[in-house]
Each structure stands twice: as structure tokens, then as C-alpha cells.
Amino acid sequence: MFKYEMDDHSYLSLLEIKDAEQLYNLINSNRDHIGEWLKFPSITVEADDSKTFIERTRIRYAKEEGYWLGIWSEDKLVGSIG
């Protein structure tokens, strides 16, 4: 598993299926703000949508076609980057 430690409390890592609920909750709680610039909040309507997204990003990573990482602070998902 890829994991890059930024400091003692923060790191980047590949999202895992088990992170789908946290990712969905993060999107849901920031839906209006993120939706001003990006489309994905409008099509992420349940945790299974985040699960599907994570599955697709892991396949892309395995094929060396890109990546999407979770941004973690004190073991809490606080964002993502790809």
C-alpha cells in the first residue's frame, strides 16, 4: 500500500474500500462548496458511489494510469488529491 507521511500527524495514502463511508461523508458535508467548481458532488449521492469511485481509482493506479490519494490528518480523512 502506498503511504507518504508528511509529518507526525498527516499523510497521503491510496484510498481503500473501507474508506468509502468517510469519503462520502466528507463530500456530503462540503457538497455545496465543492459543487461550485466540480461535478462529482452532484453524482455522489450515497456511500456506494464513493466505493465505486475508489474501486475505479485503484484499478487506474494498478494500470499506472493515474492515482487518487486520501489526505489524512490524525487518521481522519480530510481531503483527497489526484
PDB file of N, CA and C in Angstrom:
ATOM      1  N   MET A   1       0.847  -1.190   0.000  1.00  0.00           N
ATOM      2  CA  MET A   1       0.000   0.000   0.000  1.00  0.00           C
ATOM      3  C   MET A   1       0.880   1.236   0.000  1.00  0.00           C
ATOM      4  N   PHE A   2       0.497   2.224  -0.800  1.00  0.00           N
ATOM      5  CA  PHE A   2       1.221   3.477  -0.855  1.00  0.00           C
ATOM      6  C   PHE A   2       0.831   4.341   0.336  1.00  0.00           C
ATOM      7  N   LYS A   3       1.841   4.880   1.016  1.00  0.00           N
ATOM      8  CA  LYS A   3       1.602   5.822   2.106  1.00  0.00           C
ATOM      9  C   LYS A   3       2.789   6.774   2.174  1.00  0.00           C
ATOM     10  N   TYR A   4       2.507   8.079   2.155  1.00  0.00           N
ATOM     11  CA  TYR A   4       3.536   9.102   2.234  1.00  0.00           C
ATOM     12  C   TYR A   4       3.258   9.948   3.463  1.00  0.00           C
ATOM     13  N   GLU A   5       4.151   9.891   4.432  1.00  0.00           N
ATOM     14  CA  GLU A   5       3.984  10.653   5.673  1.00  0.00           C
ATOM     15  C   GLU A   5       4.505  12.064   5.466  1.00  0.00           C
ATOM     16  N   MET A   6       3.637  13.049   5.707  1.00  0.00           N
ATOM     17  CA  MET A   6       4.016  14.452   5.547  1.00  0.00           C
ATOM     18  C   MET A   6       4.615  15.012   6.827  1.00  0.00           C
ATOM     19  N   ASP A   7       4.095  14.582   7.963  1.00  0.00           N
ATOM     20  CA  ASP A   7       4.625  14.959   9.266  1.00  0.00           C
ATOM     21  C   ASP A   7       4.136  13.919  10.272  1.00  0.00           C
ATOM     22  N   ASP A   8       4.258  14.190  11.550  1.00  0.00           N
ATOM     23  CA  ASP A   8       3.879  13.205  12.574  1.00  0.00           C
ATOM     24  C   ASP A   8       2.386  12.912  12.615  1.00  0.00           C
ATOM     25  N   HIS A   9       1.573  13.790  12.006  1.00  0.00           N
ATOM     26  CA  HIS A   9       0.124  13.646  12.119  1.00  0.00           C
ATOM     27  C   HIS A   9      -0.605  13.533  10.786  1.00  0.00           C
ATOM     28  N   SER A  10       0.092  13.802   9.689  1.00  0.00           N
ATOM     29  CA  SER A  10      -0.571  13.862   8.393  1.00  0.00           C
ATOM     30  C   SER A  10       0.124  12.963   7.371  1.00  0.00           C
ATOM     31  N   TYR A  11      -0.675  12.367   6.499  1.00  0.00           N
ATOM     32  CA  TYR A  11      -0.111  11.514   5.457  1.00  0.00           C
ATOM     33  C   TYR A  11      -1.057  11.430   4.264  1.00  0.00           C
ATOM     34  N   LEU A  12      -0.522  10.984   3.157  1.00  0.00           N
ATOM     35  CA  LEU A  12      -1.284  10.683   1.951  1.00  0.00           C
ATOM     36  C   LEU A  12      -1.272   9.178   1.773  1.00  0.00           C
ATOM     37  N   SER A  13      -2.370   8.606   1.348  1.00  0.00           N
ATOM     38  CA  SER A  13      -2.387   7.174   1.059  1.00  0.00           C
ATOM     39  C   SER A  13      -3.476   6.878   0.038  1.00  0.00           C
ATOM     40  N   LEU A  14      -3.289   5.763  -0.669  1.00  0.00           N
ATOM     41  CA  LEU A  14      -4.334   5.312  -1.576  1.00  0.00           C
ATOM     42  C   LEU A  14      -5.608   5.077  -0.783  1.00  0.00           C
ATOM     43  N   LEU A  15      -6.712   5.481  -1.362  1.00  0.00           N
ATOM     44  CA  LEU A  15      -7.993   5.204  -0.714  1.00  0.00           C
ATOM     45  C   LEU A  15      -8.289   3.716  -0.820  1.00  0.00           C
ATOM     46  N   GLU A  16      -8.886   3.184   0.224  1.00  0.00           N
ATOM     47  CA  GLU A  16      -9.281   1.779   0.257  1.00  0.00           C
ATOM     48  C   GLU A  16     -10.802   1.703   0.337  1.00  0.00           C
ATOM     49  N   ILE A  17     -11.353   0.569  -0.027  1.00  0.00           N
ATOM     50  CA  ILE A  17     -12.804   0.383   0.010  1.00  0.00           C
ATOM     51  C   ILE A  17     -13.367   0.735   1.382  1.00  0.00           C
ATOM     52  N   LYS A  18     -12.657   0.398   2.421  1.00  0.00           N
ATOM     53  CA  LYS A  18     -13.131   0.678   3.784  1.00  0.00           C
ATOM     54  C   LYS A  18     -13.254   2.182   4.049  1.00  0.00           C
ATOM     55  N   ASP A  19     -12.669   3.021   3.194  1.00  0.00           N
ATOM     56  CA  ASP A  19     -12.722   4.471   3.361  1.00  0.00           C
ATOM     57  C   ASP A  19     -13.937   5.102   2.690  1.00  0.00           C
ATOM     58  N   ALA A  20     -14.757   4.312   2.021  1.00  0.00           N
ATOM     59  CA  ALA A  20     -15.869   4.842   1.231  1.00  0.00           C
ATOM     60  C   ALA A  20     -16.830   5.674   2.074  1.00  0.00           C
ATOM     61  N   GLU A  21     -17.174   5.209   3.240  1.00  0.00           N
ATOM     62  CA  GLU A  21     -18.115   5.944   4.092  1.00  0.00           C
ATOM     63  C   GLU A  21     -17.528   7.293   4.511  1.00  0.00           C
ATOM     64  N   GLN A  22     -16.263   7.289   4.910  1.00  0.00           N
ATOM     65  CA  GLN A  22     -15.619   8.550   5.297  1.00  0.00           C
ATOM     66  C   GLN A  22     -15.544   9.510   4.110  1.00  0.00           C
ATOM     67  N   LEU A  23     -15.207   8.992   2.933  1.00  0.00           N
ATOM     68  CA  LEU A  23     -15.127   9.837   1.744  1.00  0.00           C
ATOM     69  C   LEU A  23     -16.497  10.414   1.423  1.00  0.00           C
ATOM     70  N   TYR A  24     -17.514   9.586   1.461  1.00  0.00           N
ATOM     71  CA  TYR A  24     -18.869  10.073   1.195  1.00  0.00           C
ATOM     72  C   TYR A  24     -19.257  11.164   2.192  1.00  0.00           C
ATOM     73  N   ASN A  25     -19.002  10.939   3.469  1.00  0.00           N
ATOM     74  CA  ASN A  25     -19.355  11.927   4.496  1.00  0.00           C
ATOM     75  C   ASN A  25     -18.619  13.242   4.284  1.00  0.00           C
ATOM     76  N   LEU A  26     -17.357  13.162   3.875  1.00  0.00           N
ATOM     77  CA  LEU A  26     -16.572  14.365   3.594  1.00  0.00           C
ATOM     78  C   LEU A  26     -17.171  15.135   2.414  1.00  0.00           C
ATOM     79  N   ILE A  27     -17.520  14.417   1.362  1.00  0.00           N
ATOM     80  CA  ILE A  27     -18.147  15.052   0.199  1.00  0.00           C
ATOM     81  C   ILE A  27     -19.494  15.647   0.591  1.00  0.00           C
ATOM     82  N   ASN A  28     -20.283  14.891   1.306  1.00  0.00           N
ATOM     83  CA  ASN A  28     -21.625  15.326   1.675  1.00  0.00           C
ATOM     84  C   ASN A  28     -21.589  16.586   2.543  1.00  0.00           C
ATOM     85  N   SER A  29     -20.654  16.641   3.471  1.00  0.00           N
ATOM     86  CA  SER A  29     -20.595  17.800   4.365  1.00  0.00           C
ATOM     87  C   SER A  29     -20.031  19.047   3.676  1.00  0.00           C
ATOM     88  N   ASN A  30     -19.433  18.876   2.496  1.00  0.00           N
ATOM     89  CA  ASN A  30     -18.863  20.001   1.755  1.00  0.00           C
ATOM     90  C   ASN A  30     -19.463  20.122   0.355  1.00  0.00           C
ATOM     91  N   ARG A  31     -20.591  19.482   0.165  1.00  0.00           N
ATOM     92  CA  ARG A  31     -21.216  19.353  -1.164  1.00  0.00           C
ATOM     93  C   ARG A  31     -21.408  20.701  -1.870  1.00  0.00           C
ATOM     94  N   ASP A  32     -21.994  21.665  -1.199  1.00  0.00           N
ATOM     95  CA  ASP A  32     -22.283  22.953  -1.841  1.00  0.00           C
ATOM     96  C   ASP A  32     -21.002  23.671  -2.238  1.00  0.00           C
ATOM     97  N   HIS A  33     -20.048  23.678  -1.346  1.00  0.00           N
ATOM     98  CA  HIS A  33     -18.783  24.380  -1.622  1.00  0.00           C
ATOM     99  C   HIS A  33     -18.031  23.721  -2.778  1.00  0.00           C
ATOM    100  N   ILE A  34     -17.857  22.410  -2.708  1.00  0.00           N
ATOM    101  CA  ILE A  34     -17.128  21.689  -3.764  1.00  0.00           C
ATOM    102  C   ILE A  34     -17.894  21.778  -5.089  1.00  0.00           C
ATOM    103  N   GLY A  35     -19.213  21.694  -5.002  1.00  0.00           N
ATOM    104  CA  GLY A  35     -20.055  21.689  -6.195  1.00  0.00           C
ATOM    105  C   GLY A  35     -19.988  22.972  -7.006  1.00  0.00           C
ATOM    106  N   GLU A  36     -19.473  24.062  -6.414  1.00  0.00           N
ATOM    107  CA  GLU A  36     -19.318  25.303  -7.168  1.00  0.00           C
ATOM    108  C   GLU A  36     -18.301  25.138  -8.299  1.00  0.00           C
ATOM    109  N   TRP A  37     -17.344  24.224  -8.129  1.00  0.00           N
ATOM    110  CA  TRP A  37     -16.263  24.072  -9.100  1.00  0.00           C
ATOM    111  C   TRP A  37     -16.209  22.695  -9.759  1.00  0.00           C
ATOM    112  N   LEU A  38     -16.713  21.677  -9.084  1.00  0.00           N
ATOM    113  CA  LEU A  38     -16.560  20.309  -9.578  1.00  0.00           C
ATOM    114  C   LEU A  38     -17.914  19.621  -9.702  1.00  0.00           C
ATOM    115  N   LYS A  39     -17.997  18.660 -10.618  1.00  0.00           N
ATOM    116  CA  LYS A  39     -19.257  17.964 -10.882  1.00  0.00           C
ATOM    117  C   LYS A  39     -19.533  16.796  -9.927  1.00  0.00           C
ATOM    118  N   PHE A  40     -18.475  16.142  -9.431  1.00  0.00           N
ATOM    119  CA  PHE A  40     -18.690  14.873  -8.734  1.00  0.00           C
ATOM    120  C   PHE A  40     -19.606  14.940  -7.511  1.00  0.00           C
ATOM    121  N   PRO A  41     -19.727  16.070  -6.791  1.00  0.00           N
ATOM    122  CA  PRO A  41     -20.676  16.056  -5.669  1.00  0.00           C
ATOM    123  C   PRO A  41     -22.121  15.803  -6.107  1.00  0.00           C
ATOM    124  N   SER A  42     -22.470  16.231  -7.310  1.00  0.00           N
ATOM    125  CA  SER A  42     -23.851  16.037  -7.773  1.00  0.00           C
ATOM    126  C   SER A  42     -24.148  14.589  -8.141  1.00  0.00           C
ATOM    127  N   ILE A  43     -23.109  13.793  -8.393  1.00  0.00           N
ATOM    128  CA  ILE A  43     -23.328  12.389  -8.740  1.00  0.00           C
ATOM    129  C   ILE A  43     -22.920  11.440  -7.620  1.00  0.00           C
ATOM    130  N   THR A  44     -22.499  11.997  -6.510  1.00  0.00           N
ATOM    131  CA  THR A  44     -22.156  11.193  -5.326  1.00  0.00           C
ATOM    132  C   THR A  44     -23.315  11.334  -4.348  1.00  0.00           C
ATOM    133  N   VAL A  45     -24.265  10.407  -4.443  1.00  0.00           N
ATOM    134  CA  VAL A  45     -25.492  10.539  -3.654  1.00  0.00           C
ATOM    135  C   VAL A  45     -25.605   9.523  -2.519  1.00  0.00           C
ATOM    136  N   GLU A  46     -24.667   8.552  -2.485  1.00  0.00           N
ATOM    137  CA  GLU A  46     -24.643   7.576  -1.400  1.00  0.00           C
ATOM    138  C   GLU A  46     -23.228   7.011  -1.268  1.00  0.00           C
ATOM    139  N   ALA A  47     -22.972   6.355  -0.153  1.00  0.00           N
ATOM    140  CA  ALA A  47     -21.634   5.822   0.119  1.00  0.00           C
ATOM    141  C   ALA A  47     -21.177   4.838  -0.957  1.00  0.00           C
ATOM    142  N   ASP A  48     -22.105   4.107  -1.563  1.00  0.00           N
ATOM    143  CA  ASP A  48     -21.731   3.168  -2.629  1.00  0.00           C
ATOM    144  C   ASP A  48     -21.115   3.886  -3.831  1.00  0.00           C
ATOM    145  N   ASP A  49     -21.511   5.142  -4.064  1.00  0.00           N
ATOM    146  CA  ASP A  49     -20.897   5.910  -5.150  1.00  0.00           C
ATOM    147  C   ASP A  49     -19.420   6.153  -4.852  1.00  0.00           C
ATOM    148  N   SER A  50     -19.108   6.417  -3.594  1.00  0.00           N
ATOM    149  CA  SER A  50     -17.710   6.597  -3.194  1.00  0.00           C
ATOM    150  C   SER A  50     -16.954   5.282  -3.289  1.00  0.00           C
ATOM    151  N   LYS A  51     -17.616   4.185  -2.959  1.00  0.00           N
ATOM    152  CA  LYS A  51     -16.989   2.867  -3.079  1.00  0.00           C
ATOM    153  C   LYS A  51     -16.630   2.585  -4.537  1.00  0.00           C
ATOM    154  N   THR A  52     -17.551   2.859  -5.441  1.00  0.00           N
ATOM    155  CA  THR A  52     -17.303   2.651  -6.866  1.00  0.00           C
ATOM    156  C   THR A  52     -16.148   3.524  -7.344  1.00  0.00           C
ATOM    157  N   PHE A  53     -16.128   4.770  -6.898  1.00  0.00           N
ATOM    158  CA  PHE A  53     -15.037   5.674  -7.252  1.00  0.00           C
ATOM    159  C   PHE A  53     -13.695   5.119  -6.784  1.00  0.00           C
ATOM    160  N   ILE A  54     -13.640   4.650  -5.553  1.00  0.00           N
ATOM    161  CA  ILE A  54     -12.395   4.097  -5.011  1.00  0.00           C
ATOM    162  C   ILE A  54     -11.963   2.869  -5.810  1.00  0.00           C
ATOM    163  N   GLU A  55     -12.889   1.993  -6.126  1.00  0.00           N
ATOM    164  CA  GLU A  55     -12.556   0.805  -6.925  1.00  0.00           C
ATOM    165  C   GLU A  55     -11.938   1.211  -8.260  1.00  0.00           C
ATOM    166  N   ARG A  56     -12.551   2.189  -8.930  1.00  0.00           N
ATOM    167  CA  ARG A  56     -12.030   2.639 -10.232  1.00  0.00           C
ATOM    168  C   ARG A  56     -10.647   3.269 -10.094  1.00  0.00           C
ATOM    169  N   THR A  57     -10.443   4.067  -9.053  1.00  0.00           N
ATOM    170  CA  THR A  57      -9.137   4.716  -8.904  1.00  0.00           C
ATOM    171  C   THR A  57      -8.043   3.707  -8.579  1.00  0.00           C
ATOM    172  N   ARG A  58      -8.375   2.659  -7.860  1.00  0.00           N
ATOM    173  CA  ARG A  58      -7.373   1.635  -7.559  1.00  0.00           C
ATOM    174  C   ARG A  58      -6.995   0.851  -8.815  1.00  0.00           C
ATOM    175  N   ILE A  59      -7.956   0.617  -9.691  1.00  0.00           N
ATOM    176  CA  ILE A  59      -7.675  -0.044 -10.960  1.00  0.00           C
ATOM    177  C   ILE A  59      -6.768   0.853 -11.812  1.00  0.00           C
ATOM    178  N   ARG A  60      -7.072   2.141 -11.876  1.00  0.00           N
ATOM    179  CA  ARG A  60      -6.225   3.078 -12.629  1.00  0.00           C
ATOM    180  C   ARG A  60      -4.806   3.086 -12.073  1.00  0.00           C
ATOM    181  N   TYR A  61      -4.682   3.078 -10.757  1.00  0.00           N
ATOM    182  CA  TYR A  61      -3.358   3.074 -10.133  1.00  0.00           C
ATOM    183  C   TYR A  61      -2.591   1.798 -10.502  1.00  0.00           C
ATOM    184  N   ALA A  62      -3.269   0.669 -10.445  1.00  0.00           N
ATOM    185  CA  ALA A  62      -2.630  -0.614 -10.768  1.00  0.00           C
ATOM    186  C   ALA A  62      -2.157  -0.649 -12.217  1.00  0.00           C
ATOM    187  N   LYS A  63      -2.876   0.029 -13.092  1.00  0.00           N
ATOM    188  CA  LYS A  63      -2.506   0.083 -14.508  1.00  0.00           C
ATOM    189  C   LYS A  63      -1.523   1.219 -14.799  1.00  0.00           C
ATOM    190  N   GLU A  64      -1.104   1.908 -13.757  1.00  0.00           N
ATOM    191  CA  GLU A  64      -0.207   3.066 -13.881  1.00  0.00           C
ATOM    192  C   GLU A  64      -0.797   4.140 -14.788  1.00  0.00           C
ATOM    193  N   GLU A  65      -2.104   4.385 -14.616  1.00  0.00           N
ATOM    194  CA  GLU A  65      -2.818   5.385 -15.411  1.00  0.00           C
ATOM    195  C   GLU A  65      -3.238   6.589 -14.576  1.00  0.00           C
ATOM    196  N   GLY A  66      -2.751   6.682 -13.371  1.00  0.00           N
ATOM    197  CA  GLY A  66      -3.106   7.796 -12.502  1.00  0.00           C
ATOM    198  C   GLY A  66      -3.313   7.323 -11.085  1.00  0.00           C
ATOM    199  N   TYR A  67      -3.696   8.236 -10.247  1.00  0.00           N
ATOM    200  CA  TYR A  67      -3.895   7.902  -8.833  1.00  0.00           C
ATOM    201  C   TYR A  67      -4.881   8.874  -8.207  1.00  0.00           C
ATOM    202  N   TRP A  68      -5.409   8.492  -7.079  1.00  0.00           N
ATOM    203  CA  TRP A  68      -6.215   9.372  -6.240  1.00  0.00           C
ATOM    204  C   TRP A  68      -5.877   8.985  -4.813  1.00  0.00           C
ATOM    205  N   LEU A  69      -5.448   9.953  -4.035  1.00  0.00           N
ATOM    206  CA  LEU A  69      -5.000   9.693  -2.672  1.00  0.00           C
ATOM    207  C   LEU A  69      -5.884  10.392  -1.665  1.00  0.00           C
ATOM    208  N   GLY A  70      -6.037   9.757  -0.511  1.00  0.00           N
ATOM    209  CA  GLY A  70      -6.689  10.400   0.602  1.00  0.00           C
ATOM    210  C   GLY A  70      -5.677  11.260   1.334  1.00  0.00           C
ATOM    211  N   ILE A  71      -6.128  12.389   1.841  1.00  0.00           N
ATOM    212  CA  ILE A  71      -5.314  13.248   2.698  1.00  0.00           C
ATOM    213  C   ILE A  71      -5.815  13.021   4.116  1.00  0.00           C
ATOM    214  N   TRP A  72      -4.922  12.561   4.970  1.00  0.00           N
ATOM    215  CA  TRP A  72      -5.295  12.168   6.321  1.00  0.00           C
ATOM    216  C   TRP A  72      -4.606  13.054   7.351  1.00  0.00           C
ATOM    217  N   SER A  73      -5.330  13.418   8.366  1.00  0.00           N
ATOM    218  CA  SER A  73      -4.774  14.147   9.494  1.00  0.00           C
ATOM    219  C   SER A  73      -5.261  13.456  10.753  1.00  0.00           C
ATOM    220  N   GLU A  74      -4.311  12.984  11.544  1.00  0.00           N
ATOM    221  CA  GLU A  74      -4.636  12.254  12.775  1.00  0.00           C
ATOM    222  C   GLU A  74      -5.626  11.126  12.490  1.00  0.00           C
ATOM    223  N   ASP A  75      -5.373  10.378  11.422  1.00  0.00           N
ATOM    224  CA  ASP A  75      -6.176   9.234  10.996  1.00  0.00           C
ATOM    225  C   ASP A  75      -7.616   9.571  10.617  1.00  0.00           C
ATOM    226  N   LYS A  76      -7.869  10.816  10.288  1.00  0.00           N
ATOM    227  CA  LYS A  76      -9.183  11.221   9.806  1.00  0.00           C
ATOM    228  C   LYS A  76      -9.029  11.741   8.374  1.00  0.00           C
ATOM    229  N   LEU A  77      -9.875  11.269   7.482  1.00  0.00           N
ATOM    230  CA  LEU A  77      -9.848  11.715   6.105  1.00  0.00           C
ATOM    231  C   LEU A  77     -10.312  13.177   6.053  1.00  0.00           C
ATOM    232  N   VAL A  78      -9.440  14.048   5.540  1.00  0.00           N
ATOM    233  CA  VAL A  78      -9.759  15.473   5.493  1.00  0.00           C
ATOM    234  C   VAL A  78      -9.790  16.029   4.065  1.00  0.00           C
ATOM    235  N   GLY A  79      -9.434  15.194   3.093  1.00  0.00           N
ATOM    236  CA  GLY A  79      -9.443  15.650   1.712  1.00  0.00           C
ATOM    237  C   GLY A  79      -8.912  14.551   0.803  1.00  0.00           C
ATOM    238  N   SER A  80      -8.760  14.913  -0.467  1.00  0.00           N
ATOM    239  CA  SER A  80      -8.199  13.967  -1.432  1.00  0.00           C
ATOM    240  C   SER A  80      -7.551  14.750  -2.560  1.00  0.00           C
ATOM    241  N   ILE A  81      -6.686  14.044  -3.271  1.00  0.00           N
ATOM    242  CA  ILE A  81      -5.952  14.666  -4.365  1.00  0.00           C
ATOM    243  C   ILE A  81      -5.665  13.608  -5.425  1.00  0.00           C
ATOM    244  N   GLY A  82      -5.681  14.034  -6.674  1.00  0.00           N
ATOM    245  CA  GLY A  82      -5.394  13.090  -7.736  1.00  0.00           C
ATOM    246  C   GLY A  82      -4.800  13.770  -8.934  1.00  0.00           C
TER     247      GLY A  82
END
